[in-house]
C-alpha atoms as a PDB file:
ATOM      1  CA  ALA A   1     -24.109-126.361  46.854  1.00  0.00           C
ATOM      2  CA  ILE A   2     -22.286-125.248  44.121  1.00  0.00           C
ATOM      3  CA  LEU A   3     -25.814-123.071  43.693  1.00  0.00           C
ATOM      4  CA  GLN A   4     -26.040-121.833  46.836  1.00  0.00           C
ATOM      5  CA  GLY A   5     -21.597-121.238  47.064  1.00  0.00           C
ATOM      6  CA  PHE A   6     -22.359-119.153  43.749  1.00  0.00           C
ATOM      7  CA  ALA A   7     -25.869-117.259  45.856  1.00  0.00           C
ATOM      8  CA  VAL A   8     -23.253-116.744  48.970  1.00  0.00           C
ATOM      9  CA  LEU A   9     -20.069-114.921  47.582  1.00  0.00           C
ATOM     10  CA  ASN A  10     -23.135-112.649  45.129  1.00  0.00           C
ATOM     11  CA  TYR A  11     -20.917-114.278  42.064  1.00  0.00           C
ATOM     12  CA  ARG A  12     -22.521-115.422  38.960  1.00  0.00           C
ATOM     13  CA  ALA A  13     -21.656-117.302  36.099  1.00  0.00           C
ATOM     14  CA  PRO A  14     -24.978-117.993  33.759  1.00  0.00           C
ATOM     15  CA  GLY A  15     -23.131-121.397  31.994  1.00  0.00           C
ATOM     16  CA  VAL A  16     -22.619-122.764  35.063  1.00  0.00           C
ATOM     17  CA  VAL A  17     -26.248-121.447  36.778  1.00  0.00           C
ATOM     18  CA  GLU A  18     -27.952-122.855  33.420  1.00  0.00           C
ATOM     19  CA  ARG A  19     -26.539-126.833  33.905  1.00  0.00           C
ATOM     20  CA  MET A  20     -27.416-126.361  37.846  1.00  0.00           C
ATOM     21  CA  SER A  21     -30.963-125.756  36.792  1.00  0.00           C
ATOM     22  CA  THR A  22     -30.370-128.458  33.895  1.00  0.00           C
ATOM     23  CA  LEU A  23     -29.214-131.278  36.961  1.00  0.00           C
ATOM     24  CA  LEU A  24     -31.916-129.688  39.600  1.00  0.00           C
ATOM     25  CA  ALA A  25     -34.311-130.380  37.445  1.00  0.00           C
ATOM     26  CA  ARG A  26     -33.154-134.322  37.512  1.00  0.00           C
ATOM     27  CA  VAL A  27     -33.482-134.476  41.002  1.00  0.00           C
ATOM     28  CA  PRO A  28     -36.470-136.503  43.183  1.00  0.00           C
ATOM     29  CA  THR A  29     -38.510-133.252  45.715  1.00  0.00           C
ATOM     30  CA  GLY A  30     -38.270-136.463  48.144  1.00  0.00           C
ATOM     31  CA  SER A  31     -35.000-137.259  48.111  1.00  0.00           C
ATOM     32  CA  VAL A  32     -34.017-133.032  48.976  1.00  0.00           C
ATOM     33  CA  SER A  33     -34.147-131.425  52.644  1.00  0.00           C
ATOM     34  CA  PRO A  34     -36.000-129.652  53.937  1.00  0.00           C
ATOM     35  CA  GLN A  35     -33.004-126.923  54.270  1.00  0.00           C
ATOM     36  CA  SER A  36     -31.034-128.111  51.530  1.00  0.00           C
ATOM     37  CA  ALA A  37     -34.743-126.985  49.644  1.00  0.00           C
ATOM     38  CA  SER A  38     -35.041-123.332  51.282  1.00  0.00           C
ATOM     39  CA  ASN A  39     -30.758-123.559  49.930  1.00  0.00           C
ATOM     40  CA  ILE A  40     -32.369-123.310  46.548  1.00  0.00           C
ATOM     41  CA  ALA A  41     -35.018-121.666  46.557  1.00  0.00           C
ATOM     42  CA  TRP A  42     -32.967-118.729  48.485  1.00  0.00           C
ATOM     43  CA  SER A  43     -30.378-119.573  45.841  1.00  0.00           C
ATOM     44  CA  CYS A  44     -32.125-118.755  42.706  1.00  0.00           C
ATOM     45  CA  ALA A  45     -33.405-116.296  43.915  1.00  0.00           C
ATOM     46  CA  VAL A  46     -30.643-114.073  44.215  1.00  0.00           C
ATOM     47  CA  HIS A  47     -29.386-115.139  40.332  1.00  0.00           C
ATOM     48  CA  GLU A  48     -32.912-114.343  39.784  1.00  0.00           C
ATOM     49  CA  VAL A  49     -33.748-117.701  38.091  1.00  0.00           C
ATOM     50  CA  MET A  50     -36.324-116.976  35.659  1.00  0.00           C
ATOM     51  CA  ASP A  51     -36.116-121.089  34.131  1.00  0.00           C
ATOM     52  CA  PRO A  52     -39.847-121.901  34.098  1.00  0.00           C
ATOM     53  CA  CYS A  53     -38.809-125.612  35.150  1.00  0.00           C
ATOM     54  CA  LEU A  54     -36.241-125.077  37.232  1.00  0.00           C
ATOM     55  CA  LEU A  55     -39.200-123.230  39.675  1.00  0.00           C
ATOM     56  CA  ALA A  56     -41.005-125.688  38.540  1.00  0.00           C
ATOM     57  CA  TRP A  57     -39.246-127.821  40.567  1.00  0.00           C
ATOM     58  CA  VAL A  58     -38.550-125.612  43.221  1.00  0.00           C
ATOM     59  CA  TRP A  59     -41.996-125.281  44.162  1.00  0.00           C
ATOM     60  CA  ARG A  60     -43.125-128.979  43.812  1.00  0.00           C
ATOM     61  CA  CYS A  61     -40.577-129.527  46.830  1.00  0.00           C
ATOM     62  CA  LEU A  62     -41.638-126.362  48.468  1.00  0.00           C
ATOM     63  CA  ASP A  63     -44.886-127.854  48.877  1.00  0.00           C
ATOM     64  CA  GLN A  64     -43.485-130.864  49.227  1.00  0.00           C
ATOM     65  CA  HIS A  65     -40.808-129.829  52.512  1.00  0.00           C
ATOM     66  CA  ILE A  66     -42.664-126.622  53.663  1.00  0.00           C
ATOM     67  CA  GLY A  67     -44.060-128.055  56.528  1.00  0.00           C
ATOM     68  CA  SER A  68     -41.158-129.604  58.075  1.00  0.00           C
ATOM     69  CA  MET A  69     -39.311-126.488  57.631  1.00  0.00           C
ATOM     70  CA  PRO A  70     -37.220-124.446  60.446  1.00  0.00           C
ATOM     71  CA  VAL A  71     -38.061-120.746  60.693  1.00  0.00           C
ATOM     72  CA  SER A  72     -34.194-119.707  58.635  1.00  0.00           C
ATOM     73  CA  GLY A  73     -35.547-122.228  56.072  1.00  0.00           C
ATOM     74  CA  LEU A  74     -38.751-120.463  55.815  1.00  0.00           C
ATOM     75  CA  SER A  75     -37.542-116.971  56.440  1.00  0.00           C
ATOM     76  CA  GLN A  76     -35.043-117.839  52.853  1.00  0.00           C
ATOM     77  CA  VAL A  77     -38.336-119.152  51.701  1.00  0.00           C
ATOM     78  CA  HIS A  78     -39.864-115.467  51.669  1.00  0.00           C
ATOM     79  CA  GLN A  79     -37.447-113.748  49.505  1.00  0.00           C
ATOM     80  CA  PHE A  80     -37.679-116.527  46.942  1.00  0.00           C
ATOM     81  CA  LEU A  81     -41.140-115.993  47.026  1.00  0.00           C
ATOM     82  CA  LEU A  82     -40.634-111.662  47.184  1.00  0.00           C
ATOM     83  CA  TYR A  83     -38.600-112.620  43.985  1.00  0.00           C
ATOM     84  CA  CYS A  84     -41.051-114.052  42.266  1.00  0.00           C
ATOM     85  CA  ARG A  85     -43.770-111.682  43.345  1.00  0.00           C
ATOM     86  CA  LEU A  86     -41.825-108.446  42.143  1.00  0.00           C
ATOM     87  CA  GLN A  87     -40.622-110.517  38.759  1.00  0.00           C
ATOM     88  CA  GLY A  88     -44.712-110.732  37.754  1.00  0.00           C
ATOM     89  CA  ILE A  89     -43.875-115.497  38.359  1.00  0.00           C
ATOM     90  CA  THR A  90     -46.908-116.649  39.907  1.00  0.00           C
ATOM     91  CA  LYS A  91     -46.632-121.022  40.928  1.00  0.00           C
ATOM     92  CA  ALA A  92     -49.657-121.165  38.685  1.00  0.00           C
ATOM     93  CA  ASP A  93     -48.100-119.841  35.505  1.00  0.00           C
ATOM     94  CA  ILE A  94     -44.901-121.388  36.123  1.00  0.00           C
ATOM     95  CA  LEU A  95     -46.695-125.003  36.539  1.00  0.00           C
ATOM     96  CA  SER A  96     -49.030-125.033  33.895  1.00  0.00           C
ATOM     97  CA  THR A  97     -46.195-123.289  31.527  1.00  0.00           C
ATOM     98  CA  TYR A  98     -44.072-126.905  32.807  1.00  0.00           C
ATOM     99  CA  TYR A  99     -47.236-129.483  32.311  1.00  0.00           C
ATOM    100  CA  ASN A 100     -48.935-127.332  29.683  1.00  0.00           C
ATOM    101  CA  GLN A 101     -52.241-127.341  31.567  1.00  0.00           C
ATOM    102  CA  ASP A 102     -54.032-124.772  32.136  1.00  0.00           C
ATOM    103  CA  LEU A 103     -54.289-124.246  35.762  1.00  0.00           C
ATOM    104  CA  SER A 104     -58.335-122.378  36.397  1.00  0.00           C
ATOM    105  CA  GLY A 105     -61.537-122.764  37.918  1.00  0.00           C
ATOM    106  CA  GLU A 106     -61.084-124.239  41.236  1.00  0.00           C
ATOM    107  CA  LEU A 107     -57.808-125.855  40.863  1.00  0.00           C
ATOM    108  CA  LEU A 108     -56.219-122.351  40.529  1.00  0.00           C
ATOM    109  CA  SER A 109     -57.995-120.946  43.902  1.00  0.00           C
ATOM    110  CA  GLN A 110     -57.117-123.590  45.477  1.00  0.00           C
ATOM    111  CA  VAL A 111     -53.017-122.709  44.745  1.00  0.00           C
ATOM    112  CA  SER A 112     -53.665-119.287  45.011  1.00  0.00           C
ATOM    113  CA  ASP A 113     -54.893-119.711  48.627  1.00  0.00           C
ATOM    114  CA  ARG A 114     -52.272-122.412  49.587  1.00  0.00           C
ATOM    115  CA  GLU A 115     -50.305-119.620  48.555  1.00  0.00           C
ATOM    116  CA  VAL A 116     -51.445-117.150  50.499  1.00  0.00           C
ATOM    117  CA  ALA A 117     -51.265-119.051  53.695  1.00  0.00           C
ATOM    118  CA  VAL A 118     -47.471-120.089  53.077  1.00  0.00           C
ATOM    119  CA  GLU A 119     -46.668-116.365  52.103  1.00  0.00           C
ATOM    120  CA  ARG A 120     -47.709-115.260  55.526  1.00  0.00           C
ATOM    121  CA  ARG A 121     -45.817-118.205  57.883  1.00  0.00           C
ATOM    122  CA  CYS A 122     -42.989-116.966  55.747  1.00  0.00           C
ATOM    123  CA  ARG A 123     -43.102-113.847  56.640  1.00  0.00           C
ATOM    124  CA  ASP A 124     -43.623-114.652  59.769  1.00  0.00           C
ATOM    125  CA  SER A 125     -40.962-116.407  59.913  1.00  0.00           C
ATOM    126  CA  PHE A 126     -38.561-114.220  58.072  1.00  0.00           C
ATOM    127  CA  VAL A 127     -39.378-111.258  61.006  1.00  0.00           C
ATOM    128  CA  LEU A 128     -38.731-113.597  63.590  1.00  0.00           C
ATOM    129  CA  SER A 129     -35.679-113.733  62.225  1.00  0.00           C
ATOM    130  CA  ALA A 130     -35.291-110.311  61.697  1.00  0.00           C
ATOM    131  CA  SER A 131     -35.878-108.883  64.757  1.00  0.00           C
ATOM    132  CA  SER A 132     -33.684-111.276  66.647  1.00  0.00           C
ATOM    133  CA  GLU A 133     -30.607-109.338  64.079  1.00  0.00           C
ATOM    134  CA  LYS A 134     -31.833-106.264  65.320  1.00  0.00           C
ATOM    135  CA  ARG A 135     -30.924-105.359  69.316  1.00  0.00           C
ATOM    136  CA  GLY A 136     -29.630-102.214  69.700  1.00  0.00           C
ATOM    137  CA  GLY A 137     -27.934-102.271  66.342  1.00  0.00           C
ATOM    138  CA  SER A 138     -23.161-101.370  65.633  1.00  0.00           C
ATOM    139  CA  SER A 139     -21.427 -99.133  67.630  1.00  0.00           C
ATOM    140  CA  LEU A 140     -20.669 -97.426  63.699  1.00  0.00           C
ATOM    141  CA  GLN A 141     -24.448 -97.894  63.262  1.00  0.00           C
ATOM    142  CA  ARG A 142     -25.265 -95.182  66.246  1.00  0.00           C
ATOM    143  CA  GLU A 143     -22.425 -93.177  64.983  1.00  0.00           C
ATOM    144  CA  VAL A 144     -23.691 -92.851  61.748  1.00  0.00           C
ATOM    145  CA  ALA A 145     -26.942 -91.967  62.869  1.00  0.00           C
ATOM    146  CA  GLY A 146     -25.910 -89.527  64.884  1.00  0.00           C
ATOM    147  CA  VAL A 147     -24.127 -87.975  61.999  1.00  0.00           C
ATOM    148  CA  PHE A 148     -27.035 -88.626  59.531  1.00  0.00           C
ATOM    149  CA  LYS A 149     -29.769 -86.593  62.694  1.00  0.00           C
ATOM    150  CA  GLU A 150     -26.296 -83.480  62.585  1.00  0.00           C
ATOM    151  CA  VAL A 151     -26.388 -82.920  58.238  1.00  0.00           C
ATOM    152  CA  ALA A 152     -30.428 -84.804  57.097  1.00  0.00           C
ATOM    153  CA  GLY A 153     -31.336 -80.918  57.274  1.00  0.00           C
ATOM    154  CA  ASP A 154     -28.490 -79.233  55.399  1.00  0.00           C
ATOM    155  CA  ILE A 155     -29.579 -82.524  53.081  1.00  0.00           C
ATOM    156  CA  PHE A 156     -33.549 -81.616  52.957  1.00  0.00           C
ATOM    157  CA  GLU A 157     -34.756 -78.835  53.236  1.00  0.00           C
ATOM    158  CA  GLU A 158     -38.067 -79.462  54.941  1.00  0.00           C
ATOM    159  CA  LEU A 159     -36.539 -81.387  57.542  1.00  0.00           C
ATOM    160  CA  ARG A 160     -35.012 -78.270  59.639  1.00  0.00           C
ATOM    161  CA  GLY A 161     -35.243 -77.304  62.776  1.00  0.00           C
ATOM    162  CA  VAL A 162     -37.671 -80.714  63.450  1.00  0.00           C
ATOM    163  CA  GLU A 163     -36.958 -83.155  65.749  1.00  0.00           C
ATOM    164  CA  ALA A 164     -35.394 -86.342  64.476  1.00  0.00           C
ATOM    165  CA  ASP A 165     -37.328 -88.411  66.617  1.00  0.00           C
ATOM    166  CA  GLU A 166     -40.496 -87.404  63.827  1.00  0.00           C
ATOM    167  CA  TRP A 167     -38.709 -88.455  60.546  1.00  0.00           C
ATOM    168  CA  LEU A 168     -36.571 -90.264  60.778  1.00  0.00           C
ATOM    169  CA  LEU A 169     -36.722 -94.502  62.419  1.00  0.00           C
ATOM    170  CA  GLN A 170     -34.196 -96.877  63.333  1.00  0.00           C
ATOM    171  CA  GLU A 171     -34.226-101.026  63.960  1.00  0.00           C
ATOM    172  CA  CYS A 172     -37.726-100.864  61.401  1.00  0.00           C
ATOM    173  CA  ILE A 173     -38.954-103.385  59.580  1.00  0.00           C
ATOM    174  CA  ASP A 174     -40.514-102.707  56.581  1.00  0.00           C
ATOM    175  CA  ASN A 175     -44.674-104.368  56.428  1.00  0.00           C
ATOM    176  CA  GLU A 176     -44.282-103.998  52.872  1.00  0.00           C
ATOM    177  CA  SER A 177     -41.080-106.693  52.073  1.00  0.00           C
ATOM    178  CA  GLY A 178     -40.324-107.867  56.335  1.00  0.00           C
ATOM    179  CA  TYR A 179     -36.842-106.548  55.655  1.00  0.00           C
ATOM    180  CA  SER A 180     -34.650-104.423  58.666  1.00  0.00           C
ATOM    181  CA  PHE A 181     -33.812-101.086  58.366  1.00  0.00           C
ATOM    182  CA  ASP A 182     -30.621 -99.576  60.123  1.00  0.00           C
ATOM    183  CA  LEU A 183     -32.142 -96.470  58.958  1.00  0.00           C
ATOM    184  CA  TYR A 184     -34.942 -95.455  57.501  1.00  0.00           C
ATOM    185  CA  LEU A 185     -36.821 -90.971  56.388  1.00  0.00           C
ATOM    186  CA  PRO A 186     -40.820 -92.323  55.388  1.00  0.00           C
ATOM    187  CA  ALA A 187     -40.399 -89.448  53.823  1.00  0.00           C
ATOM    188  CA  LYS A 188     -38.339 -89.905  51.302  1.00  0.00           C
ATOM    189  CA  ALA A 189     -38.380 -93.197  51.584  1.00  0.00           C
ATOM    190  CA  LEU A 190     -35.311 -93.873  51.933  1.00  0.00           C
ATOM    191  CA  VAL A 191     -33.283 -96.942  53.220  1.00  0.00           C
ATOM    192  CA  VAL A 192     -29.670 -95.994  55.455  1.00  0.00           C
ATOM    193  CA  GLU A 193     -27.571 -98.887  55.641  1.00  0.00           C
ATOM    194  CA  VAL A 194     -24.464 -99.853  57.715  1.00  0.00           C
ATOM    195  CA  ASP A 195     -23.153-102.638  55.669  1.00  0.00           C
ATOM    196  CA  GLY A 196     -19.809-104.124  58.389  1.00  0.00           C
ATOM    197  CA  PRO A 197     -17.431-106.292  57.260  1.00  0.00           C
ATOM    198  CA  SER A 198     -20.252-109.145  56.936  1.00  0.00           C
ATOM    199  CA  HIS A 199     -22.133-107.596  54.098  1.00  0.00           C
ATOM    200  CA  PHE A 200     -19.131-107.848  51.641  1.00  0.00           C
ATOM    201  CA  VAL A 201     -17.082-111.147  49.902  1.00  0.00           C
ATOM    202  CA  THR A 202     -13.186-110.217  49.529  1.00  0.00           C
ATOM    203  CA  SER A 203     -11.483-111.179  46.281  1.00  0.00           C
ATOM    204  CA  VAL A 204      -8.042-110.844  45.867  1.00  0.00           C
ATOM    205  CA  SER A 205      -5.962-110.227  41.891  1.00  0.00           C
ATOM    206  CA  LEU A 206      -2.001-111.253  42.138  1.00  0.00           C
ATOM    207  CA  SER A 207      -0.437-108.577  39.368  1.00  0.00           C
ATOM    208  CA  THR A 208       2.646-110.978  37.947  1.00  0.00           C
ATOM    209  CA  GLU A 209       4.484-107.742  36.973  1.00  0.00           C
ATOM    210  CA  GLU A 210       4.260-105.750  39.016  1.00  0.00           C
ATOM    211  CA  GLY A 211       3.997-107.548  41.728  1.00  0.00           C
ATOM    212  CA  LEU A 212       0.363-106.559  43.075  1.00  0.00           C
ATOM    213  CA  ARG A 213      -1.825-107.686  45.857  1.00  0.00           C
ATOM    214  CA  GLN A 214      -5.403-106.040  45.484  1.00  0.00           C
ATOM    215  CA  GLU A 215      -7.950-106.349  47.509  1.00  0.00           C
ATOM    216  CA  GLU A 216     -11.374-105.227  46.053  1.00  0.00           C
ATOM    217  CA  GLU A 217     -15.410-106.209  48.534  1.00  0.00           C
ATOM    218  CA  THR A 218     -18.415-106.499  46.833  1.00  0.00           C
ATOM    219  CA  PRO A 219     -21.541-107.172  48.736  1.00  0.00           C
ATOM    220  CA  ASN A 220     -22.446-110.567  49.075  1.00  0.00           C
ATOM    221  CA  GLY A 221     -25.074-112.743  47.562  1.00  0.00           C
ATOM    222  CA  LYS A 222     -27.723-111.784  50.048  1.00  0.00           C
ATOM    223  CA  THR A 223     -27.118-107.590  50.182  1.00  0.00           C
ATOM    224  CA  ALA A 224     -26.502-107.184  46.755  1.00  0.00           C
ATOM    225  CA  MET A 225     -30.846-109.421  46.796  1.00  0.00           C
ATOM    226  CA  LYS A 226     -31.610-107.464  49.541  1.00  0.00           C
ATOM    227  CA  GLN A 227     -30.110-103.554  47.598  1.00  0.00           C
ATOM    228  CA  ARG A 228     -31.742-104.705  45.095  1.00  0.00           C
ATOM    229  CA  GLN A 229     -35.537-105.977  45.800  1.00  0.00           C
ATOM    230  CA  LEU A 230     -35.739-102.558  48.255  1.00  0.00           C
ATOM    231  CA  GLU A 231     -35.344-100.599  44.987  1.00  0.00           C
ATOM    232  CA  GLN A 232     -37.737-102.192  43.154  1.00  0.00           C
ATOM    233  CA  LEU A 233     -40.506-101.774  45.631  1.00  0.00           C
ATOM    234  CA  GLY A 234     -39.436 -98.021  45.003  1.00  0.00           C
ATOM    235  CA  LYS A 235     -36.926 -97.329  47.869  1.00  0.00           C
ATOM    236  CA  THR A 236     -33.792 -96.112  47.360  1.00  0.00           C
ATOM    237  CA  VAL A 237     -30.667 -97.564  49.073  1.00  0.00           C
ATOM    238  CA  MET A 238     -28.191 -95.444  50.950  1.00  0.00           C
ATOM    239  CA  SER A 239     -24.827 -97.944  51.994  1.00  0.00           C
ATOM    240  CA  VAL A 240     -22.556 -97.262  53.804  1.00  0.00           C
ATOM    241  CA  PRO A 241     -19.603 -99.360  53.810  1.00  0.00           C
ATOM    242  CA  TYR A 242     -17.994 -99.576  57.276  1.00  0.00           C
ATOM    243  CA  TRP A 243     -14.062 -99.527  55.470  1.00  0.00           C
ATOM    244  CA  GLU A 244     -15.813 -96.508  54.346  1.00  0.00           C
ATOM    245  CA  TRP A 245     -16.223 -94.241  58.208  1.00  0.00           C
ATOM    246  CA  PRO A 246     -13.231 -92.650  59.097  1.00  0.00           C
ATOM    247  CA  GLU A 247     -12.177 -94.418  61.993  1.00  0.00           C
END
């Protein structure tokens, strides 16, 4: 719960994560619920965990519980698997390092085949969840789309005089990552995300000397990871925070 809480808030505390990694690695995978397994896998992706010991525990845990996970859990696992792929981390390499055993030949083939099937199932669940959440978009998103259509020709000369339907996609699903985009310009690999309050964490600081209360909003773990993974896939991500858009 602590590891997930830090991940949700996008609070980076390497020392705490390392300590949690040590403790979790001692927990029998059979004592963990399917939901907890997916929560931990997702949290590892947010925290960009590279510890072979913890990653080996996560994969063993997923092997045991993946069959009984709901769509929400499989969606979280998809983001974990995407994180691993983008970092060049493979299950075979992690387990080889952890168990000090060479996974090759038929055993490696079995592991690889299973992972392909698991990845497909998790991605399908992730896309299903994303599709169900996208239902016309918010009024703010429609306003941003309208303004973007008007000014895009001034930003990109080649779009002048071209109908927006030919270069702008709205409420679309990315085939490569499974992520949904509010607005997308395929020709520029440009993703425009209209981020409402649920995308941010509000931190409050108090100045005892001046008696001032300051608030700062920063992307939460889910939003920060999405942006990071899309950028690693070669996309340019432009965030439009709700408070920067005029009333």
